[in-house]
């Protein structure tokens, strides 16, 4: 265990984070679920929410997107595998891109030559 901890320190992980990780591993799953239940009880007074039934979100915290809808409560919350856009119009074709269409930089060596000013407005 100490050898692995030394390897982690050499890779730039802070010793406090390593110790915390070992403590969490030693605790096991049940105390962590109880901690999550306690946190949910503080946020809501509902007796019938998923958090109290022990549901958990599998994955890293930074990889979780929360979709919010106005007017609904914790009782109406659920875990969705995948990603859900807010509106699903009928007969639509969806494309998910990992870059912003508003501001994209051209690849190196790419030039856009415009001879007509009306074409420039179309490109914008």
N, C-alpha and C. Protein backbone atom coordinates (compact mmCIF):
# COMPACT_ATOMS: atom_id res chain seq x y z
N UNK A 1 0.83 -1.18 0.00
CA UNK A 1 0.00 0.00 0.00
C UNK A 1 0.87 1.25 0.00
N UNK A 2 1.94 1.25 0.78
CA UNK A 2 2.83 2.40 0.83
C UNK A 2 3.57 2.58 -0.48
N UNK A 3 3.94 1.47 -1.12
CA UNK A 3 4.64 1.57 -2.40
C UNK A 3 3.74 2.23 -3.45
N UNK A 4 2.48 1.82 -3.48
CA UNK A 4 1.52 2.41 -4.43
C UNK A 4 1.30 3.89 -4.10
N UNK A 5 1.23 4.23 -2.83
CA UNK A 5 1.06 5.63 -2.43
C UNK A 5 2.26 6.47 -2.86
N UNK A 6 3.47 5.92 -2.73
CA UNK A 6 4.66 6.64 -3.18
C UNK A 6 4.63 6.87 -4.69
N UNK A 7 4.15 5.87 -5.43
CA UNK A 7 4.03 6.04 -6.88
C UNK A 7 3.05 7.16 -7.22
N UNK A 8 1.94 7.23 -6.49
CA UNK A 8 0.96 8.28 -6.73
C UNK A 8 1.52 9.66 -6.41
N UNK A 9 2.30 9.77 -5.33
CA UNK A 9 2.92 11.05 -4.97
C UNK A 9 3.90 11.47 -6.06
N UNK A 10 4.66 10.54 -6.59
CA UNK A 10 5.60 10.86 -7.67
C UNK A 10 4.88 11.33 -8.93
N UNK A 11 3.65 10.87 -9.12
CA UNK A 11 2.86 11.29 -10.29
C UNK A 11 2.15 12.61 -10.07
N UNK A 12 2.36 13.24 -8.92
CA UNK A 12 1.82 14.58 -8.70
C UNK A 12 0.51 14.64 -7.92
N UNK A 13 0.09 13.55 -7.32
CA UNK A 13 -1.14 13.57 -6.53
C UNK A 13 -0.78 13.95 -5.10
N UNK A 14 -1.57 14.85 -4.52
CA UNK A 14 -1.29 15.34 -3.18
C UNK A 14 -1.49 14.21 -2.15
N UNK A 15 -0.62 14.12 -1.15
CA UNK A 15 -0.74 13.05 -0.15
C UNK A 15 -2.07 13.04 0.59
N UNK A 16 -2.66 14.22 0.83
CA UNK A 16 -3.96 14.26 1.51
C UNK A 16 -5.04 13.57 0.68
N UNK A 17 -4.98 13.72 -0.63
CA UNK A 17 -5.95 13.05 -1.51
C UNK A 17 -5.77 11.54 -1.47
N UNK A 18 -4.53 11.10 -1.40
CA UNK A 18 -4.26 9.65 -1.34
C UNK A 18 -4.79 9.07 -0.05
N UNK A 19 -4.54 9.75 1.07
CA UNK A 19 -5.02 9.27 2.37
C UNK A 19 -6.54 9.23 2.39
N UNK A 20 -7.19 10.27 1.85
CA UNK A 20 -8.65 10.29 1.80
C UNK A 20 -9.18 9.13 0.97
N UNK A 21 -8.51 8.84 -0.14
CA UNK A 21 -8.93 7.72 -0.99
C UNK A 21 -8.83 6.39 -0.27
N UNK A 22 -7.76 6.20 0.49
CA UNK A 22 -7.63 4.96 1.25
C UNK A 22 -8.70 4.87 2.34
N UNK A 23 -9.04 5.99 2.94
CA UNK A 23 -10.09 5.98 3.97
C UNK A 23 -11.44 5.61 3.37
N UNK A 24 -11.77 6.17 2.21
CA UNK A 24 -13.04 5.86 1.55
C UNK A 24 -13.09 4.39 1.17
N UNK A 25 -12.00 3.86 0.65
CA UNK A 25 -11.95 2.45 0.27
C UNK A 25 -12.15 1.56 1.49
N UNK A 26 -11.60 1.97 2.63
CA UNK A 26 -11.73 1.17 3.85
C UNK A 26 -13.16 1.18 4.37
N UNK A 27 -13.87 2.29 4.18
CA UNK A 27 -15.24 2.40 4.68
C UNK A 27 -16.17 1.41 3.99
N UNK A 28 -16.06 1.31 2.69
CA UNK A 28 -16.96 0.44 1.95
C UNK A 28 -18.14 1.23 1.40
N UNK A 29 -19.11 0.51 0.86
CA UNK A 29 -20.21 1.14 0.14
C UNK A 29 -21.34 1.62 1.06
N UNK A 30 -21.67 0.89 2.10
CA UNK A 30 -22.83 1.20 2.94
C UNK A 30 -22.71 2.56 3.62
N UNK A 31 -21.59 2.91 4.26
CA UNK A 31 -21.51 4.24 4.88
C UNK A 31 -21.60 5.37 3.86
N UNK A 32 -21.08 5.16 2.65
CA UNK A 32 -21.17 6.20 1.64
C UNK A 32 -22.62 6.41 1.19
N UNK A 33 -23.39 5.33 1.07
CA UNK A 33 -24.80 5.45 0.72
C UNK A 33 -25.55 6.17 1.83
N UNK A 34 -25.24 5.85 3.09
CA UNK A 34 -25.88 6.53 4.21
C UNK A 34 -25.55 8.01 4.23
N UNK A 35 -24.33 8.36 3.87
CA UNK A 35 -23.92 9.76 3.79
C UNK A 35 -24.72 10.48 2.71
N UNK A 36 -24.90 9.84 1.56
CA UNK A 36 -25.69 10.44 0.48
C UNK A 36 -27.14 10.61 0.90
N UNK A 37 -27.69 9.64 1.62
CA UNK A 37 -29.07 9.75 2.10
C UNK A 37 -29.23 10.93 3.05
N UNK A 38 -28.26 11.09 3.95
CA UNK A 38 -28.31 12.21 4.90
C UNK A 38 -28.26 13.53 4.16
N UNK A 39 -27.42 13.64 3.14
CA UNK A 39 -27.32 14.87 2.36
C UNK A 39 -28.63 15.18 1.66
N UNK A 40 -29.29 14.15 1.14
CA UNK A 40 -30.56 14.37 0.47
C UNK A 40 -31.65 14.77 1.45
N UNK A 41 -31.63 14.25 2.65
CA UNK A 41 -32.64 14.62 3.64
C UNK A 41 -32.55 16.09 4.01
N UNK A 42 -31.34 16.63 3.98
CA UNK A 42 -31.18 18.04 4.30
C UNK A 42 -31.75 18.92 3.20
N UNK A 43 -31.75 18.45 1.97
CA UNK A 43 -32.19 19.26 0.83
C UNK A 43 -33.69 19.18 0.60
N UNK A 44 -34.33 18.15 1.08
CA UNK A 44 -35.74 17.95 0.76
C UNK A 44 -36.48 17.38 1.96
N UNK A 45 -37.77 17.62 1.98
CA UNK A 45 -38.58 17.04 3.04
C UNK A 45 -39.42 15.88 2.53
N UNK A 46 -39.30 15.55 1.27
CA UNK A 46 -40.07 14.47 0.68
C UNK A 46 -39.64 13.13 1.24
N UNK A 47 -40.60 12.28 1.51
CA UNK A 47 -40.29 10.95 2.05
C UNK A 47 -40.06 9.92 0.96
N UNK A 48 -40.42 10.25 -0.28
CA UNK A 48 -40.41 9.24 -1.34
C UNK A 48 -39.48 9.63 -2.48
N UNK A 49 -38.24 9.93 -2.19
CA UNK A 49 -37.34 10.28 -3.29
C UNK A 49 -36.32 9.18 -3.50
N UNK A 50 -35.69 9.19 -4.67
CA UNK A 50 -34.77 8.12 -5.05
C UNK A 50 -33.54 8.08 -4.17
N UNK A 51 -33.11 9.22 -3.71
CA UNK A 51 -31.88 9.25 -2.92
C UNK A 51 -32.04 8.41 -1.66
N UNK A 52 -33.21 8.46 -1.04
CA UNK A 52 -33.43 7.69 0.18
C UNK A 52 -33.56 6.20 -0.11
N UNK A 53 -33.88 5.86 -1.34
CA UNK A 53 -33.95 4.45 -1.69
C UNK A 53 -32.59 3.90 -2.07
N UNK A 54 -31.57 4.76 -2.07
CA UNK A 54 -30.22 4.27 -2.29
C UNK A 54 -29.74 4.33 -3.73
N UNK A 55 -30.43 5.07 -4.58
CA UNK A 55 -29.95 5.16 -5.96
C UNK A 55 -28.70 6.02 -6.00
N UNK A 56 -27.78 5.67 -6.88
CA UNK A 56 -26.51 6.38 -6.97
C UNK A 56 -26.21 6.65 -8.43
N UNK A 57 -25.40 7.66 -8.65
CA UNK A 57 -25.00 7.99 -10.00
C UNK A 57 -23.63 7.38 -10.26
N UNK A 58 -23.53 6.44 -11.21
CA UNK A 58 -22.23 5.84 -11.49
C UNK A 58 -21.40 6.74 -12.41
N UNK A 59 -20.23 7.14 -11.97
CA UNK A 59 -19.36 7.93 -12.82
C UNK A 59 -18.72 9.07 -12.07
N UNK A 60 -17.76 9.72 -12.70
CA UNK A 60 -17.09 10.84 -12.04
C UNK A 60 -18.02 12.05 -11.96
N UNK A 61 -17.85 12.85 -10.92
CA UNK A 61 -18.74 13.98 -10.69
C UNK A 61 -18.67 14.98 -11.84
N UNK A 62 -17.48 15.22 -12.38
CA UNK A 62 -17.35 16.19 -13.47
C UNK A 62 -18.01 15.71 -14.76
N UNK A 63 -18.26 14.42 -14.86
CA UNK A 63 -18.88 13.88 -16.07
C UNK A 63 -20.40 13.83 -16.00
N UNK A 64 -21.00 14.40 -14.95
CA UNK A 64 -22.44 14.34 -14.76
C UNK A 64 -23.06 15.66 -15.18
N UNK A 65 -24.03 15.61 -16.06
CA UNK A 65 -24.78 16.80 -16.46
C UNK A 65 -26.15 16.73 -15.80
N UNK A 66 -26.56 17.82 -15.18
CA UNK A 66 -27.87 17.87 -14.53
C UNK A 66 -28.80 18.67 -15.43
N UNK A 67 -29.89 18.05 -15.81
CA UNK A 67 -30.90 18.72 -16.62
C UNK A 67 -32.00 19.20 -15.68
N UNK A 68 -32.30 20.49 -15.73
CA UNK A 68 -33.27 21.07 -14.80
C UNK A 68 -34.55 21.43 -15.54
N UNK A 69 -35.67 21.17 -14.89
CA UNK A 69 -36.97 21.56 -15.42
C UNK A 69 -37.70 22.31 -14.32
N UNK A 70 -38.24 23.46 -14.65
CA UNK A 70 -38.91 24.28 -13.64
C UNK A 70 -40.23 23.65 -13.22
N UNK A 71 -40.55 23.80 -11.95
CA UNK A 71 -41.84 23.39 -11.45
C UNK A 71 -41.93 21.95 -10.98
N UNK A 72 -40.86 21.21 -11.03
CA UNK A 72 -40.90 19.83 -10.57
C UNK A 72 -40.03 19.68 -9.35
N UNK A 73 -40.27 18.64 -8.59
CA UNK A 73 -39.53 18.44 -7.36
C UNK A 73 -38.60 17.25 -7.42
N UNK A 74 -38.02 16.93 -6.28
CA UNK A 74 -37.08 15.82 -6.18
C UNK A 74 -37.78 14.50 -6.46
N UNK A 75 -39.07 14.41 -6.12
CA UNK A 75 -39.82 13.18 -6.36
C UNK A 75 -39.85 12.81 -7.84
N UNK A 76 -39.81 13.81 -8.71
CA UNK A 76 -39.88 13.57 -10.14
C UNK A 76 -38.52 13.36 -10.77
N UNK A 77 -37.46 13.34 -9.98
CA UNK A 77 -36.10 13.17 -10.51
C UNK A 77 -35.81 11.69 -10.76
N UNK A 78 -35.00 11.44 -11.77
CA UNK A 78 -34.58 10.07 -12.05
C UNK A 78 -33.25 10.11 -12.79
N UNK A 79 -32.57 8.98 -12.78
CA UNK A 79 -31.29 8.85 -13.46
C UNK A 79 -31.53 8.37 -14.88
N UNK A 80 -30.95 9.08 -15.84
CA UNK A 80 -31.10 8.74 -17.24
C UNK A 80 -29.75 8.33 -17.79
N UNK A 81 -29.65 7.14 -18.33
CA UNK A 81 -28.40 6.70 -18.94
C UNK A 81 -28.27 7.35 -20.30
N UNK A 82 -27.23 8.14 -20.49
CA UNK A 82 -27.04 8.88 -21.73
C UNK A 82 -27.27 10.36 -21.48
N UNK A 83 -27.56 11.09 -22.53
CA UNK A 83 -27.79 12.52 -22.41
C UNK A 83 -29.09 12.86 -23.09
N UNK A 84 -29.88 13.70 -22.46
CA UNK A 84 -31.21 14.03 -22.94
C UNK A 84 -31.30 15.52 -23.23
N UNK A 85 -31.49 15.91 -24.49
CA UNK A 85 -31.73 17.32 -24.75
C UNK A 85 -33.07 17.73 -24.17
N UNK A 86 -33.26 19.01 -23.93
CA UNK A 86 -34.46 19.48 -23.24
C UNK A 86 -35.73 19.20 -24.05
N UNK A 87 -35.69 19.40 -25.33
CA UNK A 87 -36.87 19.20 -26.16
C UNK A 87 -36.58 18.16 -27.23
N UNK A 88 -37.51 17.24 -27.46
CA UNK A 88 -37.38 16.24 -28.52
C UNK A 88 -38.46 16.50 -29.56
N UNK A 89 -38.19 17.32 -30.59
CA UNK A 89 -39.21 17.54 -31.61
C UNK A 89 -39.44 16.28 -32.44
N UNK A 90 -40.62 16.16 -32.95
CA UNK A 90 -40.98 15.01 -33.77
C UNK A 90 -40.19 15.00 -35.08
N UNK A 91 -39.83 13.86 -35.56
CA UNK A 91 -39.16 13.68 -36.85
C UNK A 91 -37.93 14.58 -36.98
N UNK A 92 -37.09 14.61 -36.01
CA UNK A 92 -35.91 15.46 -36.08
C UNK A 92 -34.66 14.60 -36.25
N UNK A 93 -33.62 15.23 -36.75
CA UNK A 93 -32.32 14.58 -36.85
C UNK A 93 -31.37 15.36 -35.98
N UNK A 94 -30.78 14.70 -35.02
CA UNK A 94 -29.92 15.37 -34.06
C UNK A 94 -28.47 15.01 -34.31
N UNK A 95 -27.61 16.00 -34.14
CA UNK A 95 -26.17 15.77 -34.24
C UNK A 95 -25.53 16.42 -33.02
N UNK A 96 -24.74 15.66 -32.29
CA UNK A 96 -24.04 16.18 -31.11
C UNK A 96 -22.59 16.44 -31.48
N UNK A 97 -22.17 17.67 -31.32
CA UNK A 97 -20.81 18.08 -31.67
C UNK A 97 -20.05 18.42 -30.41
N UNK A 98 -18.76 18.19 -30.43
CA UNK A 98 -17.95 18.50 -29.25
C UNK A 98 -17.20 19.82 -29.41
N UNK A 99 -17.71 20.71 -30.25
CA UNK A 99 -17.11 22.04 -30.39
C UNK A 99 -18.22 23.05 -30.64
N UNK A 100 -17.94 24.31 -30.38
CA UNK A 100 -18.90 25.38 -30.53
C UNK A 100 -18.95 25.80 -31.99
N UNK A 101 -20.14 25.83 -32.57
CA UNK A 101 -20.27 26.24 -33.95
C UNK A 101 -20.13 27.75 -34.12
N UNK A 102 -20.32 28.50 -33.04
CA UNK A 102 -20.20 29.96 -33.11
C UNK A 102 -18.76 30.38 -33.34
N UNK A 103 -17.84 29.75 -32.61
CA UNK A 103 -16.43 30.15 -32.68
C UNK A 103 -15.58 28.91 -32.92
N UNK A 104 -15.19 28.71 -34.13
CA UNK A 104 -14.27 27.61 -34.43
C UNK A 104 -13.09 28.17 -35.20
N UNK A 105 -11.94 27.72 -34.87
CA UNK A 105 -10.73 28.16 -35.56
C UNK A 105 -10.49 27.25 -36.76
N UNK A 106 -10.01 27.85 -37.81
CA UNK A 106 -9.71 27.07 -39.01
C UNK A 106 -8.43 26.27 -38.78
N UNK A 107 -8.33 25.15 -39.45
CA UNK A 107 -7.13 24.34 -39.37
C UNK A 107 -5.96 25.11 -39.98
N UNK A 108 -4.75 24.74 -39.63
CA UNK A 108 -3.58 25.40 -40.18
C UNK A 108 -3.53 25.22 -41.69
N UNK A 109 -3.28 26.31 -42.40
CA UNK A 109 -3.16 26.23 -43.84
C UNK A 109 -4.47 26.40 -44.59
N UNK A 110 -5.60 26.57 -43.89
CA UNK A 110 -6.89 26.73 -44.55
C UNK A 110 -7.13 28.22 -44.77
N UNK A 111 -7.52 28.59 -45.98
CA UNK A 111 -7.81 29.98 -46.30
C UNK A 111 -9.21 30.07 -46.89
N UNK A 112 -9.90 31.15 -46.56
CA UNK A 112 -11.21 31.42 -47.13
C UNK A 112 -11.07 32.68 -47.97
N UNK A 113 -11.24 32.55 -49.26
CA UNK A 113 -11.13 33.68 -50.18
C UNK A 113 -12.53 34.06 -50.65
N UNK A 114 -12.91 35.31 -50.42
CA UNK A 114 -14.23 35.80 -50.80
C UNK A 114 -14.04 36.94 -51.78
N UNK A 115 -14.68 36.84 -52.94
CA UNK A 115 -14.58 37.90 -53.94
C UNK A 115 -15.81 38.79 -53.97
N UNK A 116 -16.94 38.28 -53.53
CA UNK A 116 -18.18 39.04 -53.54
C UNK A 116 -18.58 39.37 -52.10
N UNK A 117 -18.85 40.65 -51.77
CA UNK A 117 -19.23 41.02 -50.39
C UNK A 117 -20.52 40.35 -49.93
N UNK A 118 -21.43 40.03 -50.85
CA UNK A 118 -22.68 39.36 -50.46
C UNK A 118 -22.40 37.94 -49.95
N UNK A 119 -21.39 37.30 -50.50
CA UNK A 119 -21.01 35.96 -50.03
C UNK A 119 -20.44 36.02 -48.62
N UNK A 120 -19.78 37.13 -48.30
CA UNK A 120 -19.22 37.29 -46.96
C UNK A 120 -20.32 37.28 -45.90
N UNK A 121 -21.43 37.94 -46.19
CA UNK A 121 -22.55 37.95 -45.25
C UNK A 121 -23.15 36.55 -45.10
N UNK A 122 -23.16 35.77 -46.16
CA UNK A 122 -23.68 34.40 -46.07
C UNK A 122 -22.79 33.53 -45.18
N UNK A 123 -21.48 33.76 -45.26
CA UNK A 123 -20.55 32.97 -44.45
C UNK A 123 -20.70 33.29 -42.98
N UNK A 124 -20.92 34.58 -42.67
CA UNK A 124 -21.09 34.98 -41.26
C UNK A 124 -22.31 34.35 -40.70
